[in-house]
């Protein structure tokens, strides 16, 4: 699709971000329906995709100093940890709280920053 592999990576990252958001939102519904096993599988997939994107963004940007993105990434990692802790404890309220109050807001901020960083590369 693209001659430059970096553009192809950016294209895939930008396409994956809304999919991850949809997965996290779908998890809220699954948890409301007490479908913990299904939501845990979806969470693992979303967390793996988030990690992959974070690694690729770091590689693409050459670890540029971006304090806001670093802070948001750290906040999201803490939120991911809180969701993991909830699953490990088997506490539905803890999972729901971590997902809705921590992970979704952190992901949305992170997504916005990633898009602001990467969209100019696609437009060029």
PDB file of N, CA and C in Angstrom:
ATOM      1  N   UNK A   1       0.811  -1.183   0.000  1.00  0.00           N
ATOM      2  CA  UNK A   1       0.000   0.000   0.000  1.00  0.00           C
ATOM      3  C   UNK A   1       0.864   1.259   0.000  1.00  0.00           C
ATOM      4  N   UNK A   2       1.884   1.279   0.838  1.00  0.00           N
ATOM      5  CA  UNK A   2       2.797   2.425   0.907  1.00  0.00           C
ATOM      6  C   UNK A   2       4.184   1.970   0.516  1.00  0.00           C
ATOM      7  N   UNK A   3       4.947   2.875  -0.091  1.00  0.00           N
ATOM      8  CA  UNK A   3       6.326   2.563  -0.423  1.00  0.00           C
ATOM      9  C   UNK A   3       7.208   2.600   0.812  1.00  0.00           C
ATOM     10  N   UNK A   4       6.892   3.489   1.737  1.00  0.00           N
ATOM     11  CA  UNK A   4       7.673   3.670   2.953  1.00  0.00           C
ATOM     12  C   UNK A   4       7.071   2.813   4.068  1.00  0.00           C
ATOM     13  N   UNK A   5       7.838   1.874   4.631  1.00  0.00           N
ATOM     14  CA  UNK A   5       7.307   1.024   5.701  1.00  0.00           C
ATOM     15  C   UNK A   5       6.805   1.821   6.907  1.00  0.00           C
ATOM     16  N   UNK A   6       7.424   2.960   7.196  1.00  0.00           N
ATOM     17  CA  UNK A   6       6.981   3.777   8.336  1.00  0.00           C
ATOM     18  C   UNK A   6       5.562   4.299   8.094  1.00  0.00           C
ATOM     19  N   UNK A   7       5.258   4.695   6.862  1.00  0.00           N
ATOM     20  CA  UNK A   7       3.900   5.160   6.556  1.00  0.00           C
ATOM     21  C   UNK A   7       2.888   4.028   6.725  1.00  0.00           C
ATOM     22  N   UNK A   8       3.272   2.834   6.350  1.00  0.00           N
ATOM     23  CA  UNK A   8       2.368   1.693   6.504  1.00  0.00           C
ATOM     24  C   UNK A   8       2.113   1.412   7.979  1.00  0.00           C
ATOM     25  N   UNK A   9       3.148   1.505   8.804  1.00  0.00           N
ATOM     26  CA  UNK A   9       2.989   1.300  10.245  1.00  0.00           C
ATOM     27  C   UNK A   9       2.065   2.366  10.816  1.00  0.00           C
ATOM     28  N   UNK A  10       2.272   3.616  10.435  1.00  0.00           N
ATOM     29  CA  UNK A  10       1.420   4.712  10.909  1.00  0.00           C
ATOM     30  C   UNK A  10      -0.026   4.456  10.495  1.00  0.00           C
ATOM     31  N   UNK A  11      -0.226   4.057   9.247  1.00  0.00           N
ATOM     32  CA  UNK A  11      -1.569   3.764   8.744  1.00  0.00           C
ATOM     33  C   UNK A  11      -2.233   2.688   9.602  1.00  0.00           C
ATOM     34  N   UNK A  12      -1.519   1.629   9.921  1.00  0.00           N
ATOM     35  CA  UNK A  12      -2.092   0.540  10.719  1.00  0.00           C
ATOM     36  C   UNK A  12      -2.361   0.974  12.159  1.00  0.00           C
ATOM     37  N   UNK A  13      -1.462   1.767  12.713  1.00  0.00           N
ATOM     38  CA  UNK A  13      -1.677   2.278  14.077  1.00  0.00           C
ATOM     39  C   UNK A  13      -2.947   3.116  14.112  1.00  0.00           C
ATOM     40  N   UNK A  14      -3.080   4.036  13.178  1.00  0.00           N
ATOM     41  CA  UNK A  14      -4.246   4.914  13.155  1.00  0.00           C
ATOM     42  C   UNK A  14      -5.538   4.131  12.938  1.00  0.00           C
ATOM     43  N   UNK A  15      -5.460   3.026  12.214  1.00  0.00           N
ATOM     44  CA  UNK A  15      -6.632   2.178  12.031  1.00  0.00           C
ATOM     45  C   UNK A  15      -6.964   1.344  13.250  1.00  0.00           C
ATOM     46  N   UNK A  16      -5.948   0.995  14.015  1.00  0.00           N
ATOM     47  CA  UNK A  16      -6.145   0.138  15.187  1.00  0.00           C
ATOM     48  C   UNK A  16      -6.680   0.902  16.395  1.00  0.00           C
ATOM     49  N   UNK A  17      -6.367   2.172  16.507  1.00  0.00           N
ATOM     50  CA  UNK A  17      -6.787   2.954  17.681  1.00  0.00           C
ATOM     51  C   UNK A  17      -8.298   2.940  17.904  1.00  0.00           C
ATOM     52  N   UNK A  18      -9.120   3.178  16.876  1.00  0.00           N
ATOM     53  CA  UNK A  18     -10.568   3.124  17.120  1.00  0.00           C
ATOM     54  C   UNK A  18     -11.053   1.716  17.462  1.00  0.00           C
ATOM     55  N   UNK A  19     -10.381   0.703  16.937  1.00  0.00           N
ATOM     56  CA  UNK A  19     -10.744  -0.676  17.234  1.00  0.00           C
ATOM     57  C   UNK A  19     -10.495  -0.984  18.712  1.00  0.00           C
ATOM     58  N   UNK A  20      -9.387  -0.493  19.236  1.00  0.00           N
ATOM     59  CA  UNK A  20      -9.087  -0.699  20.658  1.00  0.00           C
ATOM     60  C   UNK A  20     -10.123   0.026  21.508  1.00  0.00           C
ATOM     61  N   UNK A  21     -10.457   1.244  21.132  1.00  0.00           N
ATOM     62  CA  UNK A  21     -11.482   1.982  21.884  1.00  0.00           C
ATOM     63  C   UNK A  21     -12.801   1.206  21.887  1.00  0.00           C
ATOM     64  N   UNK A  22     -13.185   0.686  20.738  1.00  0.00           N
ATOM     65  CA  UNK A  22     -14.421  -0.098  20.648  1.00  0.00           C
ATOM     66  C   UNK A  22     -14.340  -1.341  21.524  1.00  0.00           C
ATOM     67  N   UNK A  23     -13.188  -1.972  21.562  1.00  0.00           N
ATOM     68  CA  UNK A  23     -13.018  -3.169  22.400  1.00  0.00           C
ATOM     69  C   UNK A  23     -13.165  -2.826  23.878  1.00  0.00           C
ATOM     70  N   UNK A  24     -12.546  -1.727  24.305  1.00  0.00           N
ATOM     71  CA  UNK A  24     -12.643  -1.328  25.707  1.00  0.00           C
ATOM     72  C   UNK A  24     -14.080  -0.971  26.071  1.00  0.00           C
ATOM     73  N   UNK A  25     -14.759  -0.296  25.165  1.00  0.00           N
ATOM     74  CA  UNK A  25     -16.170   0.051  25.397  1.00  0.00           C
ATOM     75  C   UNK A  25     -17.030  -1.210  25.444  1.00  0.00           C
ATOM     76  N   UNK A  26     -16.742  -2.146  24.573  1.00  0.00           N
ATOM     77  CA  UNK A  26     -17.476  -3.423  24.564  1.00  0.00           C
ATOM     78  C   UNK A  26     -17.242  -4.186  25.871  1.00  0.00           C
ATOM     79  N   UNK A  27     -16.048  -4.067  26.408  1.00  0.00           N
ATOM     80  CA  UNK A  27     -15.746  -4.720  27.690  1.00  0.00           C
ATOM     81  C   UNK A  27     -16.679  -4.230  28.794  1.00  0.00           C
ATOM     82  N   UNK A  28     -17.003  -2.945  28.783  1.00  0.00           N
ATOM     83  CA  UNK A  28     -17.911  -2.389  29.794  1.00  0.00           C
ATOM     84  C   UNK A  28     -19.232  -3.150  29.745  1.00  0.00           C
ATOM     85  N   UNK A  29     -19.753  -3.349  28.539  1.00  0.00           N
ATOM     86  CA  UNK A  29     -21.002  -4.100  28.385  1.00  0.00           C
ATOM     87  C   UNK A  29     -20.870  -5.547  28.818  1.00  0.00           C
ATOM     88  N   UNK A  30     -19.767  -6.176  28.466  1.00  0.00           N
ATOM     89  CA  UNK A  30     -19.552  -7.563  28.877  1.00  0.00           C
ATOM     90  C   UNK A  30     -19.512  -7.685  30.392  1.00  0.00           C
ATOM     91  N   UNK A  31     -18.855  -6.750  31.041  1.00  0.00           N
ATOM     92  CA  UNK A  31     -18.773  -6.791  32.502  1.00  0.00           C
ATOM     93  C   UNK A  31     -20.140  -6.536  33.119  1.00  0.00           C
ATOM     94  N   UNK A  32     -20.929  -5.650  32.524  1.00  0.00           N
ATOM     95  CA  UNK A  32     -22.296  -5.417  33.011  1.00  0.00           C
ATOM     96  C   UNK A  32     -23.132  -6.693  32.924  1.00  0.00           C
ATOM     97  N   UNK A  33     -22.806  -7.528  31.938  1.00  0.00           N
ATOM     98  CA  UNK A  33     -23.511  -8.801  31.742  1.00  0.00           C
ATOM     99  C   UNK A  33     -22.830  -9.947  32.489  1.00  0.00           C
ATOM    100  N   UNK A  34     -21.844  -9.613  33.318  1.00  0.00           N
ATOM    101  CA  UNK A  34     -21.103 -10.588  34.139  1.00  0.00           C
ATOM    102  C   UNK A  34     -20.343 -11.608  33.293  1.00  0.00           C
ATOM    103  N   UNK A  35     -19.864 -11.201  32.141  1.00  0.00           N
ATOM    104  CA  UNK A  35     -19.104 -12.086  31.258  1.00  0.00           C
ATOM    105  C   UNK A  35     -17.615 -11.812  31.448  1.00  0.00           C
ATOM    106  N   UNK A  36     -17.114 -12.203  32.625  1.00  0.00           N
ATOM    107  CA  UNK A  36     -15.734 -11.901  33.002  1.00  0.00           C
ATOM    108  C   UNK A  36     -14.711 -12.576  32.095  1.00  0.00           C
ATOM    109  N   UNK A  37     -14.915 -13.853  31.781  1.00  0.00           N
ATOM    110  CA  UNK A  37     -13.931 -14.568  30.957  1.00  0.00           C
ATOM    111  C   UNK A  37     -13.787 -13.927  29.585  1.00  0.00           C
ATOM    112  N   UNK A  38     -14.912 -13.600  28.965  1.00  0.00           N
ATOM    113  CA  UNK A  38     -14.871 -12.986  27.637  1.00  0.00           C
ATOM    114  C   UNK A  38     -14.221 -11.608  27.694  1.00  0.00           C
ATOM    115  N   UNK A  39     -14.555 -10.853  28.732  1.00  0.00           N
ATOM    116  CA  UNK A  39     -13.976  -9.513  28.834  1.00  0.00           C
ATOM    117  C   UNK A  39     -12.482  -9.589  29.131  1.00  0.00           C
ATOM    118  N   UNK A  40     -12.052 -10.628  29.847  1.00  0.00           N
ATOM    119  CA  UNK A  40     -10.620 -10.766  30.122  1.00  0.00           C
ATOM    120  C   UNK A  40      -9.848 -11.071  28.844  1.00  0.00           C
ATOM    121  N   UNK A  41     -10.399 -11.913  27.986  1.00  0.00           N
ATOM    122  CA  UNK A  41      -9.753 -12.212  26.707  1.00  0.00           C
ATOM    123  C   UNK A  41      -9.667 -10.940  25.862  1.00  0.00           C
ATOM    124  N   UNK A  42     -10.747 -10.196  25.808  1.00  0.00           N
ATOM    125  CA  UNK A  42     -10.760  -8.944  25.050  1.00  0.00           C
ATOM    126  C   UNK A  42      -9.758  -7.944  25.632  1.00  0.00           C
ATOM    127  N   UNK A  43      -9.690  -7.890  26.957  1.00  0.00           N
ATOM    128  CA  UNK A  43      -8.733  -6.994  27.607  1.00  0.00           C
ATOM    129  C   UNK A  43      -7.300  -7.370  27.246  1.00  0.00           C
ATOM    130  N   UNK A  44      -6.985  -8.653  27.278  1.00  0.00           N
ATOM    131  CA  UNK A  44      -5.626  -9.086  26.927  1.00  0.00           C
ATOM    132  C   UNK A  44      -5.263  -8.665  25.512  1.00  0.00           C
ATOM    133  N   UNK A  45      -6.203  -8.856  24.586  1.00  0.00           N
ATOM    134  CA  UNK A  45      -5.955  -8.458  23.196  1.00  0.00           C
ATOM    135  C   UNK A  45      -5.739  -6.952  23.087  1.00  0.00           C
ATOM    136  N   UNK A  46      -6.584  -6.175  23.772  1.00  0.00           N
ATOM    137  CA  UNK A  46      -6.456  -4.717  23.724  1.00  0.00           C
ATOM    138  C   UNK A  46      -5.143  -4.272  24.357  1.00  0.00           C
ATOM    139  N   UNK A  47      -4.784  -4.863  25.483  1.00  0.00           N
ATOM    140  CA  UNK A  47      -3.536  -4.499  26.164  1.00  0.00           C
ATOM    141  C   UNK A  47      -2.326  -4.830  25.291  1.00  0.00           C
ATOM    142  N   UNK A  48      -2.380  -5.967  24.619  1.00  0.00           N
ATOM    143  CA  UNK A  48      -1.284  -6.346  23.721  1.00  0.00           C
ATOM    144  C   UNK A  48      -1.180  -5.356  22.559  1.00  0.00           C
ATOM    145  N   UNK A  49      -2.316  -4.955  22.008  1.00  0.00           N
ATOM    146  CA  UNK A  49      -2.304  -3.989  20.910  1.00  0.00           C
ATOM    147  C   UNK A  49      -1.773  -2.638  21.378  1.00  0.00           C
ATOM    148  N   UNK A  50      -2.170  -2.211  22.571  1.00  0.00           N
ATOM    149  CA  UNK A  50      -1.683  -0.946  23.127  1.00  0.00           C
ATOM    150  C   UNK A  50      -0.162  -1.003  23.287  1.00  0.00           C
ATOM    151  N   UNK A  51       0.341  -2.099  23.822  1.00  0.00           N
ATOM    152  CA  UNK A  51       1.787  -2.258  23.993  1.00  0.00           C
ATOM    153  C   UNK A  51       2.522  -2.225  22.669  1.00  0.00           C
ATOM    154  N   UNK A  52       1.962  -2.882  21.676  1.00  0.00           N
ATOM    155  CA  UNK A  52       2.580  -2.904  20.351  1.00  0.00           C
ATOM    156  C   UNK A  52       2.607  -1.507  19.732  1.00  0.00           C
ATOM    157  N   UNK A  53       1.514  -0.780  19.881  1.00  0.00           N
ATOM    158  CA  UNK A  53       1.465   0.581  19.351  1.00  0.00           C
ATOM    159  C   UNK A  53       2.488   1.455  20.066  1.00  0.00           C
ATOM    160  N   UNK A  54       2.555   1.346  21.386  1.00  0.00           N
ATOM    161  CA  UNK A  54       3.504   2.158  22.159  1.00  0.00           C
ATOM    162  C   UNK A  54       4.934   1.899  21.700  1.00  0.00           C
ATOM    163  N   UNK A  55       5.273   0.635  21.473  1.00  0.00           N
ATOM    164  CA  UNK A  55       6.615   0.288  21.002  1.00  0.00           C
ATOM    165  C   UNK A  55       6.885   0.870  19.612  1.00  0.00           C
ATOM    166  N   UNK A  56       5.913   0.747  18.731  1.00  0.00           N
ATOM    167  CA  UNK A  56       6.095   1.243  17.365  1.00  0.00           C
ATOM    168  C   UNK A  56       6.156   2.763  17.310  1.00  0.00           C
ATOM    169  N   UNK A  57       5.356   3.427  18.126  1.00  0.00           N
ATOM    170  CA  UNK A  57       5.408   4.890  18.158  1.00  0.00           C
ATOM    171  C   UNK A  57       6.775   5.340  18.661  1.00  0.00           C
ATOM    172  N   UNK A  58       7.286   4.676  19.689  1.00  0.00           N
ATOM    173  CA  UNK A  58       8.620   5.021  20.205  1.00  0.00           C
ATOM    174  C   UNK A  58       9.675   4.822  19.121  1.00  0.00           C
ATOM    175  N   UNK A  59       9.564   3.737  18.364  1.00  0.00           N
ATOM    176  CA  UNK A  59      10.536   3.480  17.291  1.00  0.00           C
ATOM    177  C   UNK A  59      10.400   4.506  16.162  1.00  0.00           C
ATOM    178  N   UNK A  60       9.175   4.850  15.820  1.00  0.00           N
ATOM    179  CA  UNK A  60       8.945   5.801  14.723  1.00  0.00           C
ATOM    180  C   UNK A  60       9.401   7.212  15.065  1.00  0.00           C
ATOM    181  N   UNK A  61       9.220   7.586  16.308  1.00  0.00           N
ATOM    182  CA  UNK A  61       9.550   8.959  16.697  1.00  0.00           C
ATOM    183  C   UNK A  61      10.971   9.071  17.210  1.00  0.00           C
ATOM    184  N   UNK A  62      11.680   7.973  17.279  1.00  0.00           N
ATOM    185  CA  UNK A  62      13.053   8.000  17.749  1.00  0.00           C
ATOM    186  C   UNK A  62      13.151   8.438  19.198  1.00  0.00           C
ATOM    187  N   UNK A  63      12.150   8.060  19.983  1.00  0.00           N
ATOM    188  CA  UNK A  63      12.133   8.401  21.413  1.00  0.00           C
ATOM    189  C   UNK A  63      12.201   9.907  21.631  1.00  0.00           C
ATOM    190  N   UNK A  64      11.549  10.665  20.750  1.00  0.00           N
ATOM    191  CA  UNK A  64      11.524  12.119  20.904  1.00  0.00           C
ATOM    192  C   UNK A  64      11.014  12.493  22.291  1.00  0.00           C
ATOM    193  N   UNK A  65      11.565  13.565  22.785  1.00  0.00           N
ATOM    194  CA  UNK A  65      11.110  14.072  24.080  1.00  0.00           C
ATOM    195  C   UNK A  65       9.689  14.600  23.908  1.00  0.00           C
ATOM    196  N   UNK A  66       8.731  13.886  24.422  1.00  0.00           N
ATOM    197  CA  UNK A  66       7.346  14.330  24.408  1.00  0.00           C
ATOM    198  C   UNK A  66       6.796  14.055  25.796  1.00  0.00           C
ATOM    199  N   UNK A  67       6.960  15.031  26.672  1.00  0.00           N
ATOM    200  CA  UNK A  67       6.618  14.852  28.081  1.00  0.00           C
ATOM    201  C   UNK A  67       5.151  14.494  28.275  1.00  0.00           C
ATOM    202  N   UNK A  68       4.269  15.126  27.513  1.00  0.00           N
ATOM    203  CA  UNK A  68       2.842  14.843  27.665  1.00  0.00           C
ATOM    204  C   UNK A  68       2.522  13.394  27.303  1.00  0.00           C
ATOM    205  N   UNK A  69       3.093  12.925  26.193  1.00  0.00           N
ATOM    206  CA  UNK A  69       2.844  11.548  25.774  1.00  0.00           C
ATOM    207  C   UNK A  69       3.432  10.562  26.786  1.00  0.00           C
ATOM    208  N   UNK A  70       4.607  10.862  27.297  1.00  0.00           N
ATOM    209  CA  UNK A  70       5.208   9.986  28.302  1.00  0.00           C
ATOM    210  C   UNK A  70       4.346   9.912  29.559  1.00  0.00           C
ATOM    211  N   UNK A  71       3.814  11.048  29.992  1.00  0.00           N
ATOM    212  CA  UNK A  71       2.945  11.069  31.177  1.00  0.00           C
ATOM    213  C   UNK A  71       1.664  10.290  30.931  1.00  0.00           C
ATOM    214  N   UNK A  72       1.085  10.493  29.767  1.00  0.00           N
ATOM    215  CA  UNK A  72      -0.161   9.798  29.435  1.00  0.00           C
ATOM    216  C   UNK A  72       0.074   8.300  29.307  1.00  0.00           C
ATOM    217  N   UNK A  73       1.187   7.915  28.719  1.00  0.00           N
ATOM    218  CA  UNK A  73       1.515   6.495  28.599  1.00  0.00           C
ATOM    219  C   UNK A  73       1.702   5.870  29.979  1.00  0.00           C
ATOM    220  N   UNK A  74       2.378   6.579  30.863  1.00  0.00           N
ATOM    221  CA  UNK A  74       2.566   6.081  32.230  1.00  0.00           C
ATOM    222  C   UNK A  74       1.219   5.947  32.942  1.00  0.00           C
ATOM    223  N   UNK A  75       0.349   6.927  32.738  1.00  0.00           N
ATOM    224  CA  UNK A  75      -0.989   6.871  33.348  1.00  0.00           C
ATOM    225  C   UNK A  75      -1.773   5.679  32.813  1.00  0.00           C
ATOM    226  N   UNK A  76      -1.662   5.425  31.516  1.00  0.00           N
ATOM    227  CA  UNK A  76      -2.373   4.295  30.929  1.00  0.00           C
ATOM    228  C   UNK A  76      -1.816   2.971  31.438  1.00  0.00           C
ATOM    229  N   UNK A  77      -0.511   2.895  31.591  1.00  0.00           N
ATOM    230  CA  UNK A  77       0.090   1.659  32.108  1.00  0.00           C
ATOM    231  C   UNK A  77      -0.381   1.387  33.532  1.00  0.00           C
ATOM    232  N   UNK A  78      -0.492   2.442  34.342  1.00  0.00           N
ATOM    233  CA  UNK A  78      -1.027   2.262  35.702  1.00  0.00           C
ATOM    234  C   UNK A  78      -2.470   1.768  35.653  1.00  0.00           C
ATOM    235  N   UNK A  79      -3.243   2.317  34.728  1.00  0.00           N
ATOM    236  CA  UNK A  79      -4.643   1.904  34.576  1.00  0.00           C
ATOM    237  C   UNK A  79      -4.736   0.455  34.101  1.00  0.00           C
ATOM    238  N   UNK A  80      -3.870   0.080  33.166  1.00  0.00           N
ATOM    239  CA  UNK A  80      -3.832  -1.323  32.735  1.00  0.00           C
ATOM    240  C   UNK A  80      -3.526  -2.229  33.920  1.00  0.00           C
ATOM    241  N   UNK A  81      -2.585  -1.805  34.746  1.00  0.00           N
ATOM    242  CA  UNK A  81      -2.239  -2.572  35.941  1.00  0.00           C
ATOM    243  C   UNK A  81      -3.413  -2.695  36.899  1.00  0.00           C
ATOM    244  N   UNK A  82      -4.199  -1.635  37.034  1.00  0.00           N
ATOM    245  CA  UNK A  82      -5.358  -1.676  37.915  1.00  0.00           C
ATOM    246  C   UNK A  82      -6.409  -2.663  37.400  1.00  0.00           C
ATOM    247  N   UNK A  83      -6.590  -2.706  36.085  1.00  0.00           N
ATOM    248  CA  UNK A  83      -7.533  -3.669  35.506  1.00  0.00           C
ATOM    249  C   UNK A  83      -7.011  -5.087  35.721  1.00  0.00           C
ATOM    250  N   UNK A  84      -5.721  -5.284  35.507  1.00  0.00           N
ATOM    251  CA  UNK A  84      -5.118  -6.606  35.742  1.00  0.00           C
ATOM    252  C   UNK A  84      -5.314  -7.024  37.194  1.00  0.00           C
ATOM    253  N   UNK A  85      -5.064  -6.104  38.119  1.00  0.00           N
ATOM    254  CA  UNK A  85      -5.258  -6.397  39.546  1.00  0.00           C
ATOM    255  C   UNK A  85      -6.700  -6.804  39.818  1.00  0.00           C
ATOM    256  N   UNK A  86      -7.644  -6.119  39.182  1.00  0.00           N
ATOM    257  CA  UNK A  86      -9.051  -6.464  39.354  1.00  0.00           C
ATOM    258  C   UNK A  86      -9.361  -7.862  38.864  1.00  0.00           C
ATOM    259  N   UNK A  87      -8.824  -8.221  37.691  1.00  0.00           N
ATOM    260  CA  UNK A  87      -9.041  -9.582  37.179  1.00  0.00           C
ATOM    261  C   UNK A  87      -8.390 -10.613  38.088  1.00  0.00           C
ATOM    262  N   UNK A  88      -7.184 -10.323  38.556  1.00  0.00           N
ATOM    263  CA  UNK A  88      -6.490 -11.284  39.415  1.00  0.00           C
ATOM    264  C   UNK A  88      -7.214 -11.480  40.736  1.00  0.00           C
ATOM    265  N   UNK A  89      -7.842 -10.448  41.256  1.00  0.00           N
ATOM    266  CA  UNK A  89      -8.571 -10.562  42.520  1.00  0.00           C
ATOM    267  C   UNK A  89      -9.984 -11.102  42.307  1.00  0.00           C
ATOM    268  N   UNK A  90     -10.432 -11.098  41.057  1.00  0.00           N
ATOM    269  CA  UNK A  90     -11.787 -11.567  40.759  1.00  0.00           C
ATOM    270  C   UNK A  90     -12.855 -10.578  41.195  1.00  0.00           C
ATOM    271  N   UNK A  91     -12.463  -9.336  41.409  1.00  0.00           N
ATOM    272  CA  UNK A  91     -13.392  -8.309  41.894  1.00  0.00           C
ATOM    273  C   UNK A  91     -14.013  -7.552  40.728  1.00  0.00           C
ATOM    274  N   UNK A  92     -15.257  -7.860  40.425  1.00  0.00           N
ATOM    275  CA  UNK A  92     -15.957  -7.191  39.336  1.00  0.00           C
ATOM    276  C   UNK A  92     -16.009  -5.674  39.535  1.00  0.00           C
ATOM    277  N   UNK A  93     -16.359  -5.187  40.741  1.00  0.00           N
ATOM    278  CA  UNK A  93     -16.374  -3.722  40.916  1.00  0.00           C
ATOM    279  C   UNK A  93     -14.993  -3.079  40.682  1.00  0.00           C
ATOM    280  N   UNK A  94     -13.936  -3.758  41.096  1.00  0.00           N
ATOM    281  CA  UNK A  94     -12.591  -3.220  40.889  1.00  0.00           C
ATOM    282  C   UNK A  94     -12.254  -3.161  39.399  1.00  0.00           C
ATOM    283  N   UNK A  95     -12.638  -4.192  38.662  1.00  0.00           N
ATOM    284  CA  UNK A  95     -12.390  -4.216  37.211  1.00  0.00           C
ATOM    285  C   UNK A  95     -13.170  -3.089  36.542  1.00  0.00           C
ATOM    286  N   UNK A  96     -14.456  -2.992  36.878  1.00  0.00           N
ATOM    287  CA  UNK A  96     -15.297  -1.973  36.265  1.00  0.00           C
ATOM    288  C   UNK A  96     -14.790  -0.564  36.583  1.00  0.00           C
ATOM    289  N   UNK A  97     -14.424  -0.334  37.826  1.00  0.00           N
ATOM    290  CA  UNK A  97     -13.929   0.974  38.224  1.00  0.00           C
ATOM    291  C   UNK A  97     -12.637   1.315  37.480  1.00  0.00           C
ATOM    292  N   UNK A  98     -11.711   0.368  37.455  1.00  0.00           N
ATOM    293  CA  UNK A  98     -10.432   0.611  36.776  1.00  0.00           C
ATOM    294  C   UNK A  98     -10.639   0.860  35.285  1.00  0.00           C
ATOM    295  N   UNK A  99     -11.551   0.116  34.691  1.00  0.00           N
ATOM    296  CA  UNK A  99     -11.811   0.258  33.257  1.00  0.00           C
ATOM    297  C   UNK A  99     -12.469   1.605  32.939  1.00  0.00           C
ATOM    298  N   UNK A 100     -13.525   1.923  33.648  1.00  0.00           N
ATOM    299  CA  UNK A 100     -14.318   3.113  33.334  1.00  0.00           C
ATOM    300  C   UNK A 100     -13.676   4.399  33.853  1.00  0.00           C
ATOM    301  N   UNK A 101     -13.128   4.344  35.052  1.00  0.00           N
ATOM    302  CA  UNK A 101     -12.605   5.560  35.676  1.00  0.00           C
ATOM    303  C   UNK A 101     -11.144   5.836  35.336  1.00  0.00           C
ATOM    304  N   UNK A 102     -10.399   4.789  34.970  1.00  0.00           N
ATOM    305  CA  UNK A 102      -8.974   4.977  34.728  1.00  0.00           C
ATOM    306  C   UNK A 102      -8.570   4.676  33.288  1.00  0.00           C
ATOM    307  N   UNK A 103      -8.828   3.450  32.840  1.00  0.00           N
ATOM    308  CA  UNK A 103      -8.282   3.029  31.550  1.00  0.00           C
ATOM    309  C   UNK A 103      -8.916   3.756  30.360  1.00  0.00           C
ATOM    310  N   UNK A 104     -10.224   3.815  30.304  1.00  0.00           N
ATOM    311  CA  UNK A 104     -10.853   4.482  29.161  1.00  0.00           C
ATOM    312  C   UNK A 104     -10.437   5.952  29.049  1.00  0.00           C
ATOM    313  N   UNK A 105     -10.481   6.735  30.126  1.00  0.00           N
ATOM    314  CA  UNK A 105     -10.023   8.127  29.989  1.00  0.00           C
ATOM    315  C   UNK A 105      -8.542   8.230  29.605  1.00  0.00           C
ATOM    316  N   UNK A 106      -7.710   7.378  30.188  1.00  0.00           N
ATOM    317  CA  UNK A 106      -6.280   7.408  29.863  1.00  0.00           C
ATOM    318  C   UNK A 106      -6.060   7.017  28.404  1.00  0.00           C
ATOM    319  N   UNK A 107      -6.778   5.986  27.940  1.00  0.00           N
ATOM    320  CA  UNK A 107      -6.631   5.559  26.556  1.00  0.00           C
ATOM    321  C   UNK A 107      -7.060   6.660  25.602  1.00  0.00           C
ATOM    322  N   UNK A 108      -8.175   7.316  25.888  1.00  0.00           N
ATOM    323  CA  UNK A 108      -8.658   8.369  24.997  1.00  0.00           C
ATOM    324  C   UNK A 108      -7.667   9.527  24.902  1.00  0.00           C
ATOM    325  N   UNK A 109      -7.058   9.897  26.024  1.00  0.00           N
ATOM    326  CA  UNK A 109      -6.021  10.935  25.999  1.00  0.00           C
ATOM    327  C   UNK A 109      -4.818  10.479  25.181  1.00  0.00           C
ATOM    328  N   UNK A 110      -4.400   9.236  25.421  1.00  0.00           N
ATOM    329  CA  UNK A 110      -3.246   8.664  24.724  1.00  0.00           C
ATOM    330  C   UNK A 110      -3.518   8.598  23.225  1.00  0.00           C
ATOM    331  N   UNK A 111      -4.717   8.138  22.862  1.00  0.00           N
ATOM    332  CA  UNK A 111      -5.095   8.045  21.453  1.00  0.00           C
ATOM    333  C   UNK A 111      -5.021   9.415  20.791  1.00  0.00           C
ATOM    334  N   UNK A 112      -5.581  10.431  21.439  1.00  0.00           N
ATOM    335  CA  UNK A 112      -5.564  11.787  20.891  1.00  0.00           C
ATOM    336  C   UNK A 112      -4.125  12.256  20.655  1.00  0.00           C
ATOM    337  N   UNK A 113      -3.246  11.987  21.611  1.00  0.00           N
ATOM    338  CA  UNK A 113      -1.853  12.414  21.472  1.00  0.00           C
ATOM    339  C   UNK A 113      -1.139  11.644  20.371  1.00  0.00           C
ATOM    340  N   UNK A 114      -1.412  10.357  20.272  1.00  0.00           N
ATOM    341  CA  UNK A 114      -0.806   9.538  19.207  1.00  0.00           C
ATOM    342  C   UNK A 114      -1.268  10.056  17.843  1.00  0.00           C
ATOM    343  N   UNK A 115      -2.561  10.314  17.726  1.00  0.00           N
ATOM    344  CA  UNK A 115      -3.078  10.813  16.448  1.00  0.00           C
ATOM    345  C   UNK A 115      -2.463  12.167  16.091  1.00  0.00           C
ATOM    346  N   UNK A 116      -2.339  13.057  17.067  1.00  0.00           N
ATOM    347  CA  UNK A 116      -1.722  14.362  16.796  1.00  0.00           C
ATOM    348  C   UNK A 116      -0.267  14.205  16.358  1.00  0.00           C
ATOM    349  N   UNK A 117       0.391  13.224  16.912  1.00  0.00           N
ATOM    350  CA  UNK A 117       1.788  12.989  16.580  1.00  0.00           C
ATOM    351  C   UNK A 117       1.939  12.342  15.199  1.00  0.00           C
ATOM    352  N   UNK A 118       1.057  11.400  14.863  1.00  0.00           N
ATOM    353  CA  UNK A 118       1.229  10.605  13.657  1.00  0.00           C
ATOM    354  C   UNK A 118       0.482  11.117  12.428  1.00  0.00           C
ATOM    355  N   UNK A 119      -0.626  11.814  12.607  1.00  0.00           N
ATOM    356  CA  UNK A 119      -1.405  12.264  11.442  1.00  0.00           C
ATOM    357  C   UNK A 119      -0.585  13.120  10.472  1.00  0.00           C
ATOM    358  N   UNK A 120       0.278  14.020  10.958  1.00  0.00           N
ATOM    359  CA  UNK A 120       1.071  14.766   9.980  1.00  0.00           C
ATOM    360  C   UNK A 120       1.935  13.875   9.083  1.00  0.00           C
ATOM    361  N   UNK A 121       2.332  12.730   9.558  1.00  0.00           N
ATOM    362  CA  UNK A 121       3.156  11.814   8.742  1.00  0.00           C
ATOM    363  C   UNK A 121       2.344  11.219   7.602  1.00  0.00           C
ATOM    364  N   UNK A 122       1.052  11.062   7.802  1.00  0.00           N
ATOM    365  CA  UNK A 122       0.182  10.498   6.763  1.00  0.00           C
ATOM    366  C   UNK A 122      -0.176  11.571   5.745  1.00  0.00           C
ATOM    367  N   UNK A 123      -0.357  12.786   6.197  1.00  0.00           N
ATOM    368  CA  UNK A 123      -0.754  13.886   5.314  1.00  0.00           C
ATOM    369  C   UNK A 123       0.372  14.251   4.361  1.00  0.00           C
ATOM    370  N   UNK A 124       1.602  14.109   4.819  1.00  0.00           N
ATOM    371  CA  UNK A 124       2.768  14.505   4.014  1.00  0.00           C
ATOM    372  C   UNK A 124       2.865  13.676   2.759  1.00  0.00           C
TER     373      UNK A 124
END
